[in-house]
Protein backbone atom coordinates (compact mmCIF):
# COMPACT_ATOMS: atom_id res chain seq x y z
CA UNK A 1 0.00 0.00 0.00
CA UNK A 2 1.07 3.53 -0.54
CA UNK A 3 0.03 6.59 1.42
CA UNK A 4 -1.64 9.17 -0.81
CA UNK A 5 -2.61 11.80 1.79
CA UNK A 6 -2.02 12.82 5.37
CA UNK A 7 -4.60 15.12 7.00
CA UNK A 8 -4.41 16.90 10.33
CA UNK A 9 -7.07 19.46 11.21
CA UNK A 10 -6.14 23.01 12.18
CA UNK A 11 -7.37 22.82 15.76
CA UNK A 12 -7.51 26.62 16.20
CA UNK A 13 -9.92 26.88 13.29
CA UNK A 14 -12.15 24.18 14.80
CA UNK A 15 -12.13 26.03 18.15
CA UNK A 16 -13.14 29.32 16.48
CA UNK A 17 -15.98 27.60 14.60
CA UNK A 18 -17.04 25.88 17.85
CA UNK A 19 -17.18 29.19 19.72
CA UNK A 20 -19.17 30.72 16.86
CA UNK A 21 -21.67 27.85 17.04
CA UNK A 22 -21.94 28.35 20.80
CA UNK A 23 -22.61 32.08 20.41
CA UNK A 24 -25.21 31.49 17.69
CA UNK A 25 -26.85 28.81 19.85
CA UNK A 26 -26.97 31.30 22.74
CA UNK A 27 -28.79 33.83 20.56
CA UNK A 28 -31.17 31.11 19.34
CA UNK A 29 -31.88 30.06 22.93
CA UNK A 30 -32.64 33.67 23.89
CA UNK A 31 -35.06 33.88 20.96
CA UNK A 32 -36.68 30.56 21.96
CA UNK A 33 -37.00 31.74 25.58
CA UNK A 34 -34.89 28.88 26.94
CA UNK A 35 -34.03 29.72 30.55
CA UNK A 36 -30.26 30.19 30.47
CA UNK A 37 -29.88 32.42 33.52
CA UNK A 38 -26.27 32.12 34.62
CA UNK A 39 -26.08 30.62 38.04
CA UNK A 40 -24.68 27.61 39.83
CA UNK A 41 -27.53 25.49 38.50
CA UNK A 42 -26.76 26.28 34.84
CA UNK A 43 -23.04 25.68 35.43
CA UNK A 44 -23.84 22.27 36.95
CA UNK A 45 -26.13 21.41 34.00
CA UNK A 46 -23.45 22.52 31.53
CA UNK A 47 -20.67 20.55 33.22
CA UNK A 48 -22.87 17.46 33.57
CA UNK A 49 -24.02 17.77 29.95
CA UNK A 50 -20.44 18.02 28.68
CA UNK A 51 -19.44 14.86 30.55
CA UNK A 52 -22.51 12.86 29.47
CA UNK A 53 -22.42 14.02 25.84
CA UNK A 54 -18.68 13.31 25.59
CA UNK A 55 -19.26 9.76 26.81
CA UNK A 56 -22.24 9.29 24.47
CA UNK A 57 -20.36 10.78 21.51
CA UNK A 58 -17.22 8.65 21.84
CA UNK A 59 -19.31 5.62 22.84
CA UNK A 60 -21.35 5.99 19.63
CA UNK A 61 -18.14 6.06 17.58
CA UNK A 62 -16.98 2.91 19.41
CA UNK A 63 -20.32 1.09 19.08
CA UNK A 64 -20.58 1.71 15.34
CA UNK A 65 -16.95 0.67 14.84
CA UNK A 66 -17.53 -2.53 16.84
CA UNK A 67 -20.70 -3.29 14.85
CA UNK A 68 -18.62 -2.97 11.68
CA UNK A 69 -16.08 -5.45 13.06
CA UNK A 70 -13.33 -3.08 14.20
CA UNK A 71 -11.70 -2.78 17.62
CA UNK A 72 -11.90 0.79 18.92
CA UNK A 73 -9.31 2.18 21.32
CA UNK A 74 -10.31 5.12 23.49
CA UNK A 75 -7.84 7.79 24.58
CA UNK A 76 -7.49 11.11 26.36
CA UNK A 77 -5.11 13.87 25.32
CA UNK A 78 -6.42 17.03 26.94
CA UNK A 79 -8.42 18.86 25.81
CA UNK A 80 -9.46 16.00 23.51
CA UNK A 81 -11.12 12.69 24.19
CA UNK A 82 -10.80 10.48 21.15
CA UNK A 83 -11.23 7.06 19.61
CA UNK A 84 -8.64 5.47 17.37
CA UNK A 85 -7.85 2.13 15.77
CA UNK A 86 -4.73 -0.01 15.53
CA UNK A 87 -5.37 -0.94 11.91
CA UNK A 88 -6.67 0.65 8.75
CA UNK A 89 -10.41 0.95 8.09
CA UNK A 90 -12.13 0.90 4.71
CA UNK A 91 -13.14 4.40 3.65
CA UNK A 92 -16.87 3.62 3.90
CA UNK A 93 -16.52 2.27 7.45
CA UNK A 94 -14.49 5.30 8.53
CA UNK A 95 -17.17 7.62 7.13
CA UNK A 96 -19.93 5.77 9.02
CA UNK A 97 -17.98 5.78 12.28
CA UNK A 98 -17.16 9.48 11.89
CA UNK A 99 -20.72 10.66 11.21
CA UNK A 100 -22.64 8.36 13.56
CA UNK A 101 -22.55 10.58 16.70
CA UNK A 102 -23.49 13.75 14.81
CA UNK A 103 -26.45 12.12 13.08
CA UNK A 104 -27.72 9.78 15.81
CA UNK A 105 -27.21 11.95 18.89
CA UNK A 106 -28.43 15.19 17.31
CA UNK A 107 -31.55 13.34 16.12
CA UNK A 108 -32.04 11.93 19.64
CA UNK A 109 -31.54 15.31 21.36
CA UNK A 110 -33.81 17.07 18.86
CA UNK A 111 -36.51 14.41 19.20
CA UNK A 112 -36.43 14.48 23.01
CA UNK A 113 -36.39 18.29 23.04
CA UNK A 114 -39.46 18.40 20.78
CA UNK A 115 -41.21 15.93 23.11
CA UNK A 116 -40.44 18.20 26.10
CA UNK A 117 -38.15 15.68 27.80
CA UNK A 118 -35.20 17.21 29.69
CA UNK A 119 -35.33 20.32 27.50
CA UNK A 120 -32.29 22.06 29.02
CA UNK A 121 -30.12 18.93 28.83
CA UNK A 122 -31.24 18.21 25.25
CA UNK A 123 -30.62 21.81 24.23
CA UNK A 124 -27.13 21.77 25.75
CA UNK A 125 -26.53 18.25 24.39
CA UNK A 126 -27.38 19.34 20.85
CA UNK A 127 -25.01 22.31 21.09
CA UNK A 128 -22.17 20.33 22.74
CA UNK A 129 -22.48 17.40 20.34
CA UNK A 130 -22.57 19.70 17.30
CA UNK A 131 -19.44 21.51 18.46
CA UNK A 132 -17.78 18.19 19.32
CA UNK A 133 -18.59 16.85 15.86
CA UNK A 134 -16.62 19.53 14.00
CA UNK A 135 -13.54 17.32 13.68
CA UNK A 136 -15.67 14.43 12.45
CA UNK A 137 -17.37 16.62 9.84
CA UNK A 138 -13.95 17.96 8.75
CA UNK A 139 -12.74 14.35 8.28
CA UNK A 140 -15.80 13.44 6.21
CA UNK A 141 -15.32 16.50 3.98
CA UNK A 142 -11.67 15.54 3.42
CA UNK A 143 -12.63 11.92 2.63
CA UNK A 144 -15.36 12.67 0.11
CA UNK A 145 -12.80 12.95 -2.67
CA UNK A 146 -10.74 9.92 -1.54
CA UNK A 147 -10.68 6.89 -3.85
CA UNK A 148 -13.45 4.37 -3.14
CA UNK A 149 -10.96 1.55 -2.51
CA UNK A 150 -8.98 3.65 -0.01
CA UNK A 151 -8.12 2.55 3.52
CA UNK A 152 -7.92 5.05 6.34
CA UNK A 153 -5.35 4.93 9.14
CA UNK A 154 -6.33 7.04 12.14
CA UNK A 155 -3.38 8.93 13.64
CA UNK A 156 -5.10 10.26 16.79
CA UNK A 157 -4.55 13.82 15.54
CA UNK A 158 -5.84 13.23 12.02
CA UNK A 159 -5.71 10.42 9.46
CA UNK A 160 -3.80 9.04 6.51
CA UNK A 161 -5.33 7.78 3.26
CA UNK A 162 -3.81 4.60 1.83
CA UNK A 163 -4.54 2.91 -1.49
CA UNK A 164 -3.44 -0.57 -2.60
CA UNK A 165 -0.70 -0.74 -5.23
CA UNK A 166 -1.99 -1.98 -8.58
CA UNK A 167 -1.55 -5.77 -8.87
CA UNK A 168 0.00 -6.18 -5.41
CA UNK A 169 -2.21 -8.68 -3.54
CA UNK A 170 0.07 -8.47 -0.48
CA UNK A 171 -1.25 -4.94 0.10
CA UNK A 172 -4.67 -6.33 0.96
CA UNK A 173 -3.40 -9.08 3.28
CA UNK A 174 -5.08 -8.80 6.66
CA UNK A 175 -7.54 -6.13 5.53
CA UNK A 176 -11.26 -6.81 5.41
CA UNK A 177 -12.88 -5.64 2.19
CA UNK A 178 -16.04 -3.50 2.45
C-alpha atoms as a PDB file:
ATOM      1  CA  UNK A   1       0.000   0.000   0.000  1.00  0.00           C
ATOM      2  CA  UNK A   2       1.070   3.534  -0.541  1.00  0.00           C
ATOM      3  CA  UNK A   3       0.032   6.593   1.416  1.00  0.00           C
ATOM      4  CA  UNK A   4      -1.640   9.173  -0.805  1.00  0.00           C
ATOM      5  CA  UNK A   5      -2.614  11.804   1.786  1.00  0.00           C
ATOM      6  CA  UNK A   6      -2.017  12.820   5.369  1.00  0.00           C
ATOM      7  CA  UNK A   7      -4.602  15.123   6.997  1.00  0.00           C
ATOM      8  CA  UNK A   8      -4.408  16.900  10.329  1.00  0.00           C
ATOM      9  CA  UNK A   9      -7.073  19.462  11.212  1.00  0.00           C
ATOM     10  CA  UNK A  10      -6.143  23.006  12.175  1.00  0.00           C
ATOM     11  CA  UNK A  11      -7.373  22.821  15.763  1.00  0.00           C
ATOM     12  CA  UNK A  12      -7.505  26.616  16.203  1.00  0.00           C
ATOM     13  CA  UNK A  13      -9.925  26.877  13.291  1.00  0.00           C
ATOM     14  CA  UNK A  14     -12.151  24.183  14.797  1.00  0.00           C
ATOM     15  CA  UNK A  15     -12.133  26.030  18.147  1.00  0.00           C
ATOM     16  CA  UNK A  16     -13.139  29.319  16.475  1.00  0.00           C
ATOM     17  CA  UNK A  17     -15.979  27.600  14.602  1.00  0.00           C
ATOM     18  CA  UNK A  18     -17.038  25.881  17.846  1.00  0.00           C
ATOM     19  CA  UNK A  19     -17.182  29.188  19.724  1.00  0.00           C
ATOM     20  CA  UNK A  20     -19.173  30.724  16.857  1.00  0.00           C
ATOM     21  CA  UNK A  21     -21.671  27.852  17.035  1.00  0.00           C
ATOM     22  CA  UNK A  22     -21.937  28.352  20.801  1.00  0.00           C
ATOM     23  CA  UNK A  23     -22.611  32.079  20.415  1.00  0.00           C
ATOM     24  CA  UNK A  24     -25.209  31.485  17.694  1.00  0.00           C
ATOM     25  CA  UNK A  25     -26.854  28.814  19.846  1.00  0.00           C
ATOM     26  CA  UNK A  26     -26.971  31.302  22.736  1.00  0.00           C
ATOM     27  CA  UNK A  27     -28.787  33.827  20.556  1.00  0.00           C
ATOM     28  CA  UNK A  28     -31.167  31.114  19.344  1.00  0.00           C
ATOM     29  CA  UNK A  29     -31.880  30.058  22.928  1.00  0.00           C
ATOM     30  CA  UNK A  30     -32.637  33.667  23.892  1.00  0.00           C
ATOM     31  CA  UNK A  31     -35.061  33.884  20.960  1.00  0.00           C
ATOM     32  CA  UNK A  32     -36.685  30.558  21.960  1.00  0.00           C
ATOM     33  CA  UNK A  33     -37.003  31.744  25.583  1.00  0.00           C
ATOM     34  CA  UNK A  34     -34.891  28.876  26.945  1.00  0.00           C
ATOM     35  CA  UNK A  35     -34.028  29.721  30.552  1.00  0.00           C
ATOM     36  CA  UNK A  36     -30.256  30.192  30.469  1.00  0.00           C
ATOM     37  CA  UNK A  37     -29.884  32.420  33.517  1.00  0.00           C
ATOM     38  CA  UNK A  38     -26.270  32.121  34.624  1.00  0.00           C
ATOM     39  CA  UNK A  39     -26.078  30.622  38.045  1.00  0.00           C
ATOM     40  CA  UNK A  40     -24.680  27.611  39.834  1.00  0.00           C
ATOM     41  CA  UNK A  41     -27.528  25.489  38.499  1.00  0.00           C
ATOM     42  CA  UNK A  42     -26.759  26.283  34.845  1.00  0.00           C
ATOM     43  CA  UNK A  43     -23.043  25.676  35.433  1.00  0.00           C
ATOM     44  CA  UNK A  44     -23.842  22.265  36.947  1.00  0.00           C
ATOM     45  CA  UNK A  45     -26.125  21.415  34.005  1.00  0.00           C
ATOM     46  CA  UNK A  46     -23.453  22.523  31.532  1.00  0.00           C
ATOM     47  CA  UNK A  47     -20.668  20.552  33.216  1.00  0.00           C
ATOM     48  CA  UNK A  48     -22.868  17.461  33.570  1.00  0.00           C
ATOM     49  CA  UNK A  49     -24.020  17.767  29.954  1.00  0.00           C
ATOM     50  CA  UNK A  50     -20.443  18.020  28.683  1.00  0.00           C
ATOM     51  CA  UNK A  51     -19.440  14.857  30.546  1.00  0.00           C
ATOM     52  CA  UNK A  52     -22.511  12.859  29.474  1.00  0.00           C
ATOM     53  CA  UNK A  53     -22.418  14.017  25.840  1.00  0.00           C
ATOM     54  CA  UNK A  54     -18.676  13.308  25.587  1.00  0.00           C
ATOM     55  CA  UNK A  55     -19.256   9.761  26.812  1.00  0.00           C
ATOM     56  CA  UNK A  56     -22.239   9.287  24.467  1.00  0.00           C
ATOM     57  CA  UNK A  57     -20.357  10.782  21.507  1.00  0.00           C
ATOM     58  CA  UNK A  58     -17.221   8.645  21.844  1.00  0.00           C
ATOM     59  CA  UNK A  59     -19.312   5.623  22.838  1.00  0.00           C
ATOM     60  CA  UNK A  60     -21.350   5.991  19.630  1.00  0.00           C
ATOM     61  CA  UNK A  61     -18.136   6.056  17.582  1.00  0.00           C
ATOM     62  CA  UNK A  62     -16.984   2.905  19.407  1.00  0.00           C
ATOM     63  CA  UNK A  63     -20.316   1.089  19.082  1.00  0.00           C
ATOM     64  CA  UNK A  64     -20.585   1.710  15.340  1.00  0.00           C
ATOM     65  CA  UNK A  65     -16.947   0.673  14.844  1.00  0.00           C
ATOM     66  CA  UNK A  66     -17.530  -2.530  16.836  1.00  0.00           C
ATOM     67  CA  UNK A  67     -20.700  -3.290  14.853  1.00  0.00           C
ATOM     68  CA  UNK A  68     -18.619  -2.968  11.676  1.00  0.00           C
ATOM     69  CA  UNK A  69     -16.082  -5.454  13.063  1.00  0.00           C
ATOM     70  CA  UNK A  70     -13.329  -3.080  14.201  1.00  0.00           C
ATOM     71  CA  UNK A  71     -11.702  -2.779  17.618  1.00  0.00           C
ATOM     72  CA  UNK A  72     -11.904   0.793  18.921  1.00  0.00           C
ATOM     73  CA  UNK A  73      -9.305   2.182  21.322  1.00  0.00           C
ATOM     74  CA  UNK A  74     -10.305   5.118  23.494  1.00  0.00           C
ATOM     75  CA  UNK A  75      -7.844   7.795  24.585  1.00  0.00           C
ATOM     76  CA  UNK A  76      -7.489  11.110  26.356  1.00  0.00           C
ATOM     77  CA  UNK A  77      -5.105  13.870  25.317  1.00  0.00           C
ATOM     78  CA  UNK A  78      -6.417  17.025  26.937  1.00  0.00           C
ATOM     79  CA  UNK A  79      -8.424  18.863  25.812  1.00  0.00           C
ATOM     80  CA  UNK A  80      -9.461  15.998  23.510  1.00  0.00           C
ATOM     81  CA  UNK A  81     -11.122  12.687  24.195  1.00  0.00           C
ATOM     82  CA  UNK A  82     -10.803  10.476  21.151  1.00  0.00           C
ATOM     83  CA  UNK A  83     -11.234   7.060  19.610  1.00  0.00           C
ATOM     84  CA  UNK A  84      -8.635   5.468  17.372  1.00  0.00           C
ATOM     85  CA  UNK A  85      -7.851   2.127  15.774  1.00  0.00           C
ATOM     86  CA  UNK A  86      -4.730  -0.009  15.533  1.00  0.00           C
ATOM     87  CA  UNK A  87      -5.374  -0.937  11.908  1.00  0.00           C
ATOM     88  CA  UNK A  88      -6.667   0.647   8.752  1.00  0.00           C
ATOM     89  CA  UNK A  89     -10.411   0.955   8.092  1.00  0.00           C
ATOM     90  CA  UNK A  90     -12.131   0.898   4.709  1.00  0.00           C
ATOM     91  CA  UNK A  91     -13.138   4.400   3.649  1.00  0.00           C
ATOM     92  CA  UNK A  92     -16.866   3.625   3.903  1.00  0.00           C
ATOM     93  CA  UNK A  93     -16.524   2.272   7.446  1.00  0.00           C
ATOM     94  CA  UNK A  94     -14.491   5.301   8.528  1.00  0.00           C
ATOM     95  CA  UNK A  95     -17.175   7.621   7.130  1.00  0.00           C
ATOM     96  CA  UNK A  96     -19.928   5.767   9.020  1.00  0.00           C
ATOM     97  CA  UNK A  97     -17.976   5.778  12.279  1.00  0.00           C
ATOM     98  CA  UNK A  98     -17.158   9.484  11.892  1.00  0.00           C
ATOM     99  CA  UNK A  99     -20.724  10.656  11.207  1.00  0.00           C
ATOM    100  CA  UNK A 100     -22.641   8.361  13.563  1.00  0.00           C
ATOM    101  CA  UNK A 101     -22.552  10.579  16.700  1.00  0.00           C
ATOM    102  CA  UNK A 102     -23.490  13.746  14.813  1.00  0.00           C
ATOM    103  CA  UNK A 103     -26.448  12.120  13.085  1.00  0.00           C
ATOM    104  CA  UNK A 104     -27.717   9.776  15.809  1.00  0.00           C
ATOM    105  CA  UNK A 105     -27.209  11.950  18.893  1.00  0.00           C
ATOM    106  CA  UNK A 106     -28.432  15.186  17.305  1.00  0.00           C
ATOM    107  CA  UNK A 107     -31.548  13.345  16.116  1.00  0.00           C
ATOM    108  CA  UNK A 108     -32.036  11.928  19.638  1.00  0.00           C
ATOM    109  CA  UNK A 109     -31.537  15.307  21.362  1.00  0.00           C
ATOM    110  CA  UNK A 110     -33.814  17.071  18.863  1.00  0.00           C
ATOM    111  CA  UNK A 111     -36.511  14.410  19.198  1.00  0.00           C
ATOM    112  CA  UNK A 112     -36.426  14.484  23.010  1.00  0.00           C
ATOM    113  CA  UNK A 113     -36.393  18.286  23.044  1.00  0.00           C
ATOM    114  CA  UNK A 114     -39.457  18.397  20.778  1.00  0.00           C
ATOM    115  CA  UNK A 115     -41.213  15.933  23.115  1.00  0.00           C
ATOM    116  CA  UNK A 116     -40.445  18.198  26.095  1.00  0.00           C
ATOM    117  CA  UNK A 117     -38.153  15.676  27.801  1.00  0.00           C
ATOM    118  CA  UNK A 118     -35.196  17.215  29.693  1.00  0.00           C
ATOM    119  CA  UNK A 119     -35.328  20.318  27.502  1.00  0.00           C
ATOM    120  CA  UNK A 120     -32.291  22.062  29.024  1.00  0.00           C
ATOM    121  CA  UNK A 121     -30.116  18.930  28.827  1.00  0.00           C
ATOM    122  CA  UNK A 122     -31.242  18.206  25.253  1.00  0.00           C
ATOM    123  CA  UNK A 123     -30.621  21.810  24.226  1.00  0.00           C
ATOM    124  CA  UNK A 124     -27.134  21.767  25.751  1.00  0.00           C
ATOM    125  CA  UNK A 125     -26.531  18.253  24.394  1.00  0.00           C
ATOM    126  CA  UNK A 126     -27.383  19.336  20.854  1.00  0.00           C
ATOM    127  CA  UNK A 127     -25.006  22.307  21.089  1.00  0.00           C
ATOM    128  CA  UNK A 128     -22.173  20.334  22.737  1.00  0.00           C
ATOM    129  CA  UNK A 129     -22.477  17.397  20.337  1.00  0.00           C
ATOM    130  CA  UNK A 130     -22.569  19.698  17.299  1.00  0.00           C
ATOM    131  CA  UNK A 131     -19.441  21.514  18.456  1.00  0.00           C
ATOM    132  CA  UNK A 132     -17.784  18.190  19.325  1.00  0.00           C
ATOM    133  CA  UNK A 133     -18.591  16.845  15.858  1.00  0.00           C
ATOM    134  CA  UNK A 134     -16.621  19.534  14.003  1.00  0.00           C
ATOM    135  CA  UNK A 135     -13.540  17.324  13.685  1.00  0.00           C
ATOM    136  CA  UNK A 136     -15.673  14.430  12.452  1.00  0.00           C
ATOM    137  CA  UNK A 137     -17.367  16.621   9.844  1.00  0.00           C
ATOM    138  CA  UNK A 138     -13.954  17.956   8.754  1.00  0.00           C
ATOM    139  CA  UNK A 139     -12.740  14.348   8.283  1.00  0.00           C
ATOM    140  CA  UNK A 140     -15.798  13.442   6.211  1.00  0.00           C
ATOM    141  CA  UNK A 141     -15.323  16.500   3.980  1.00  0.00           C
ATOM    142  CA  UNK A 142     -11.671  15.545   3.417  1.00  0.00           C
ATOM    143  CA  UNK A 143     -12.629  11.920   2.632  1.00  0.00           C
ATOM    144  CA  UNK A 144     -15.364  12.669   0.113  1.00  0.00           C
ATOM    145  CA  UNK A 145     -12.797  12.945  -2.669  1.00  0.00           C
ATOM    146  CA  UNK A 146     -10.744   9.921  -1.540  1.00  0.00           C
ATOM    147  CA  UNK A 147     -10.677   6.892  -3.852  1.00  0.00           C
ATOM    148  CA  UNK A 148     -13.449   4.366  -3.139  1.00  0.00           C
ATOM    149  CA  UNK A 149     -10.958   1.550  -2.507  1.00  0.00           C
ATOM    150  CA  UNK A 150      -8.982   3.645  -0.009  1.00  0.00           C
ATOM    151  CA  UNK A 151      -8.124   2.549   3.515  1.00  0.00           C
ATOM    152  CA  UNK A 152      -7.921   5.046   6.343  1.00  0.00           C
ATOM    153  CA  UNK A 153      -5.348   4.935   9.143  1.00  0.00           C
ATOM    154  CA  UNK A 154      -6.330   7.038  12.139  1.00  0.00           C
ATOM    155  CA  UNK A 155      -3.384   8.926  13.636  1.00  0.00           C
ATOM    156  CA  UNK A 156      -5.103  10.263  16.789  1.00  0.00           C
ATOM    157  CA  UNK A 157      -4.550  13.820  15.545  1.00  0.00           C
ATOM    158  CA  UNK A 158      -5.840  13.228  12.017  1.00  0.00           C
ATOM    159  CA  UNK A 159      -5.714  10.420   9.458  1.00  0.00           C
ATOM    160  CA  UNK A 160      -3.802   9.041   6.506  1.00  0.00           C
ATOM    161  CA  UNK A 161      -5.327   7.783   3.261  1.00  0.00           C
ATOM    162  CA  UNK A 162      -3.813   4.603   1.830  1.00  0.00           C
ATOM    163  CA  UNK A 163      -4.545   2.906  -1.486  1.00  0.00           C
ATOM    164  CA  UNK A 164      -3.442  -0.571  -2.602  1.00  0.00           C
ATOM    165  CA  UNK A 165      -0.703  -0.738  -5.235  1.00  0.00           C
ATOM    166  CA  UNK A 166      -1.987  -1.983  -8.577  1.00  0.00           C
ATOM    167  CA  UNK A 167      -1.548  -5.767  -8.874  1.00  0.00           C
ATOM    168  CA  UNK A 168       0.004  -6.183  -5.406  1.00  0.00           C
ATOM    169  CA  UNK A 169      -2.214  -8.681  -3.542  1.00  0.00           C
ATOM    170  CA  UNK A 170       0.067  -8.471  -0.482  1.00  0.00           C
ATOM    171  CA  UNK A 171      -1.246  -4.937   0.100  1.00  0.00           C
ATOM    172  CA  UNK A 172      -4.669  -6.329   0.958  1.00  0.00           C
ATOM    173  CA  UNK A 173      -3.403  -9.077   3.279  1.00  0.00           C
ATOM    174  CA  UNK A 174      -5.084  -8.803   6.658  1.00  0.00           C
ATOM    175  CA  UNK A 175      -7.541  -6.134   5.527  1.00  0.00           C
ATOM    176  CA  UNK A 176     -11.264  -6.815   5.407  1.00  0.00           C
ATOM    177  CA  UNK A 177     -12.875  -5.643   2.187  1.00  0.00           C
ATOM    178  CA  UNK A 178     -16.038  -3.498   2.446  1.00  0.00           C
END
